[in-house]
Amino acid sequence: MRDIVERLMTAEFHDLAGVPRVAEDPMAQKEIDALTRRVEAVEDRVEALQVQSGGNFAAVIEGQAALRREVRDGFAKVDSRFDALEGKVDALTEAMQRNQTQIVELLSSLVGKDPNAH
């Protein structure tokens, strides 16, 4: 990959007919430099992973699959907890509505009565 990027940045690639194909633009050059650094960083990470895994990509893929399963299971647990909480909130909402209804009924029965009468 690095060879491809280096080839793209050579003068002979841009000057095939004796005329530069890309104008010397400092902004474009900065972007090319930034992209080159990113490509090199990715290559370095890939090399590090190869060294870390001893070249055993099957182990890396297995690890990724295990991580995906763990994340999926974690989300399933979180979803079930949210469902349980939603049920509790619904029950509390119903209880509050019943209590409010009772309060309104009790207050309505007291309207017009003498507060001093027992």
C-alpha atoms as a PDB file:
ATOM      1  CA  MET A   1       0.000   0.000   0.000  1.00  0.00           C
ATOM      2  CA  ARG A   2       2.821   2.351   0.934  1.00  0.00           C
ATOM      3  CA  ASP A   3       4.413   1.648  -2.476  1.00  0.00           C
ATOM      4  CA  ILE A   4       1.217   2.733  -4.226  1.00  0.00           C
ATOM      5  CA  VAL A   5       1.017   5.983  -2.281  1.00  0.00           C
ATOM      6  CA  GLU A   6       4.683   6.719  -2.900  1.00  0.00           C
ATOM      7  CA  ARG A   7       4.216   6.008  -6.613  1.00  0.00           C
ATOM      8  CA  LEU A   8       1.252   8.396  -6.742  1.00  0.00           C
ATOM      9  CA  MET A   9       3.366  11.124  -5.201  1.00  0.00           C
ATOM     10  CA  THR A  10       6.311  10.811  -7.624  1.00  0.00           C
ATOM     11  CA  ALA A  11       7.021  13.439 -10.241  1.00  0.00           C
ATOM     12  CA  GLU A  12       7.084  10.867 -13.063  1.00  0.00           C
ATOM     13  CA  PHE A  13       3.505   9.820 -12.267  1.00  0.00           C
ATOM     14  CA  HIS A  14       2.274  13.408 -12.411  1.00  0.00           C
ATOM     15  CA  ASP A  15       4.522  14.403 -15.287  1.00  0.00           C
ATOM     16  CA  LEU A  16       3.803  11.678 -17.842  1.00  0.00           C
ATOM     17  CA  ALA A  17       3.636  14.073 -20.806  1.00  0.00           C
ATOM     18  CA  GLY A  18       6.181  16.537 -19.509  1.00  0.00           C
ATOM     19  CA  VAL A  19       3.474  18.684 -17.907  1.00  0.00           C
ATOM     20  CA  PRO A  20       2.449  18.344 -14.275  1.00  0.00           C
ATOM     21  CA  ARG A  21      -1.072  16.979 -13.990  1.00  0.00           C
ATOM     22  CA  VAL A  22      -1.596  18.374 -10.501  1.00  0.00           C
ATOM     23  CA  ALA A  23      -0.962  22.041  -9.856  1.00  0.00           C
ATOM     24  CA  GLU A  24       1.364  22.827  -6.993  1.00  0.00           C
ATOM     25  CA  ASP A  25      -1.253  23.693  -4.424  1.00  0.00           C
ATOM     26  CA  PRO A  26      -0.069  23.946  -0.828  1.00  0.00           C
ATOM     27  CA  MET A  27      -3.492  22.987   0.485  1.00  0.00           C
ATOM     28  CA  ALA A  28      -3.654  19.918  -1.752  1.00  0.00           C
ATOM     29  CA  GLN A  29      -0.118  18.984  -0.745  1.00  0.00           C
ATOM     30  CA  LYS A  30      -1.091  19.232   2.942  1.00  0.00           C
ATOM     31  CA  GLU A  31      -4.068  16.981   2.307  1.00  0.00           C
ATOM     32  CA  ILE A  32      -1.868  14.468   0.466  1.00  0.00           C
ATOM     33  CA  ASP A  33       0.620  14.560   3.344  1.00  0.00           C
ATOM     34  CA  ALA A  34      -2.185  14.024   5.867  1.00  0.00           C
ATOM     35  CA  LEU A  35      -3.585  11.102   3.856  1.00  0.00           C
ATOM     36  CA  THR A  36      -0.109   9.626   3.551  1.00  0.00           C
ATOM     37  CA  ARG A  37       0.344   9.822   7.318  1.00  0.00           C
ATOM     38  CA  ARG A  38      -3.033   8.152   7.841  1.00  0.00           C
ATOM     39  CA  VAL A  39      -2.174   5.338   5.409  1.00  0.00           C
ATOM     40  CA  GLU A  40       1.161   4.818   7.146  1.00  0.00           C
ATOM     41  CA  ALA A  41      -0.554   4.783  10.550  1.00  0.00           C
ATOM     42  CA  VAL A  42      -2.999   2.120   9.340  1.00  0.00           C
ATOM     43  CA  GLU A  43      -0.148   0.083   7.894  1.00  0.00           C
ATOM     44  CA  ASP A  44       1.693   0.349  11.206  1.00  0.00           C
ATOM     45  CA  ARG A  45      -1.412  -0.855  13.064  1.00  0.00           C
ATOM     46  CA  VAL A  46      -1.838  -3.767  10.659  1.00  0.00           C
ATOM     47  CA  GLU A  47       1.808  -4.709  11.111  1.00  0.00           C
ATOM     48  CA  ALA A  48       1.439  -4.481  14.893  1.00  0.00           C
ATOM     49  CA  LEU A  49      -1.639  -6.718  14.755  1.00  0.00           C
ATOM     50  CA  GLN A  50       0.236  -9.198  12.605  1.00  0.00           C
ATOM     51  CA  VAL A  51       3.092  -9.274  15.091  1.00  0.00           C
ATOM     52  CA  GLN A  52       0.709  -9.456  18.047  1.00  0.00           C
ATOM     53  CA  SER A  53      -1.263 -12.296  16.506  1.00  0.00           C
ATOM     54  CA  GLY A  54       1.863 -14.050  15.272  1.00  0.00           C
ATOM     55  CA  GLY A  55       0.423 -13.884  11.778  1.00  0.00           C
ATOM     56  CA  ASN A  56      -2.553 -15.924  12.920  1.00  0.00           C
ATOM     57  CA  PHE A  57      -5.444 -14.021  11.364  1.00  0.00           C
ATOM     58  CA  ALA A  58      -7.871 -16.762  12.326  1.00  0.00           C
ATOM     59  CA  ALA A  59      -7.235 -15.887  15.974  1.00  0.00           C
ATOM     60  CA  VAL A  60      -7.886 -12.207  15.256  1.00  0.00           C
ATOM     61  CA  ILE A  61     -11.114 -13.010  13.414  1.00  0.00           C
ATOM     62  CA  GLU A  62     -12.204 -15.356  16.222  1.00  0.00           C
ATOM     63  CA  GLY A  63     -11.506 -12.608  18.753  1.00  0.00           C
ATOM     64  CA  GLN A  64     -13.568 -10.138  16.757  1.00  0.00           C
ATOM     65  CA  ALA A  65     -16.445 -12.610  16.519  1.00  0.00           C
ATOM     66  CA  ALA A  66     -16.303 -13.221  20.277  1.00  0.00           C
ATOM     67  CA  LEU A  67     -16.300  -9.487  20.912  1.00  0.00           C
ATOM     68  CA  ARG A  68     -19.315  -9.018  18.622  1.00  0.00           C
ATOM     69  CA  ARG A  69     -21.192 -11.786  20.472  1.00  0.00           C
ATOM     70  CA  GLU A  70     -20.341 -10.205  23.815  1.00  0.00           C
ATOM     71  CA  VAL A  71     -21.541  -6.788  22.657  1.00  0.00           C
ATOM     72  CA  ARG A  72     -24.734  -8.288  21.196  1.00  0.00           C
ATOM     73  CA  ASP A  73     -25.410 -10.154  24.464  1.00  0.00           C
ATOM     74  CA  GLY A  74     -24.759  -6.980  26.430  1.00  0.00           C
ATOM     75  CA  PHE A  75     -27.271  -5.070  24.321  1.00  0.00           C
ATOM     76  CA  ALA A  76     -29.820  -7.865  24.806  1.00  0.00           C
ATOM     77  CA  LYS A  77     -29.392  -7.598  28.590  1.00  0.00           C
ATOM     78  CA  VAL A  78     -29.746  -3.811  28.465  1.00  0.00           C
ATOM     79  CA  ASP A  79     -32.875  -4.153  26.306  1.00  0.00           C
ATOM     80  CA  SER A  80     -34.452  -6.600  28.769  1.00  0.00           C
ATOM     81  CA  ARG A  81     -33.679  -4.250  31.658  1.00  0.00           C
ATOM     82  CA  PHE A  82     -35.268  -1.361  29.789  1.00  0.00           C
ATOM     83  CA  ASP A  83     -38.340  -3.514  29.119  1.00  0.00           C
ATOM     84  CA  ALA A  84     -38.587  -4.350  32.840  1.00  0.00           C
ATOM     85  CA  LEU A  85     -38.197  -0.682  33.783  1.00  0.00           C
ATOM     86  CA  GLU A  86     -40.818   0.284  31.234  1.00  0.00           C
ATOM     87  CA  GLY A  87     -43.253  -2.173  32.860  1.00  0.00           C
ATOM     88  CA  LYS A  88     -42.532  -0.705  36.304  1.00  0.00           C
ATOM     89  CA  VAL A  89     -43.024   2.845  35.028  1.00  0.00           C
ATOM     90  CA  ASP A  90     -46.328   1.840  33.426  1.00  0.00           C
ATOM     91  CA  ALA A  91     -47.479   0.269  36.711  1.00  0.00           C
ATOM     92  CA  LEU A  92     -46.482   3.393  38.659  1.00  0.00           C
ATOM     93  CA  THR A  93     -48.281   5.609  36.157  1.00  0.00           C
ATOM     94  CA  GLU A  94     -51.466   3.556  36.551  1.00  0.00           C
ATOM     95  CA  ALA A  95     -51.184   3.685  40.355  1.00  0.00           C
ATOM     96  CA  MET A  96     -50.718   7.465  40.262  1.00  0.00           C
ATOM     97  CA  GLN A  97     -53.764   7.849  38.025  1.00  0.00           C
ATOM     98  CA  ARG A  98     -55.868   5.705  40.397  1.00  0.00           C
ATOM     99  CA  ASN A  99     -54.675   7.752  43.388  1.00  0.00           C
ATOM    100  CA  GLN A 100     -55.386  11.021  41.599  1.00  0.00           C
ATOM    101  CA  THR A 101     -58.854   9.759  40.705  1.00  0.00           C
ATOM    102  CA  GLN A 102     -59.496   8.848  44.369  1.00  0.00           C
ATOM    103  CA  ILE A 103     -58.232  12.272  45.516  1.00  0.00           C
ATOM    104  CA  VAL A 104     -60.522  14.026  43.044  1.00  0.00           C
ATOM    105  CA  GLU A 105     -63.471  11.895  44.163  1.00  0.00           C
ATOM    106  CA  LEU A 106     -62.780  12.600  47.846  1.00  0.00           C
ATOM    107  CA  LEU A 107     -62.349  16.328  47.253  1.00  0.00           C
ATOM    108  CA  SER A 108     -65.502  16.390  45.126  1.00  0.00           C
ATOM    109  CA  SER A 109     -67.474  14.738  47.932  1.00  0.00           C
ATOM    110  CA  LEU A 110     -66.236  17.431  50.354  1.00  0.00           C
ATOM    111  CA  VAL A 111     -67.243  20.358  48.127  1.00  0.00           C
ATOM    112  CA  GLY A 112     -70.202  22.216  49.609  1.00  0.00           C
ATOM    113  CA  LYS A 113     -69.948  20.573  53.036  1.00  0.00           C
ATOM    114  CA  ASP A 114     -69.397  22.577  56.187  1.00  0.00           C
ATOM    115  CA  PRO A 115     -65.731  22.138  57.134  1.00  0.00           C
ATOM    116  CA  ASN A 116     -66.637  22.571  60.835  1.00  0.00           C
ATOM    117  CA  ALA A 117     -69.314  19.860  60.808  1.00  0.00           C
ATOM    118  CA  HIS A 118     -68.345  16.423  62.031  1.00  0.00           C
END
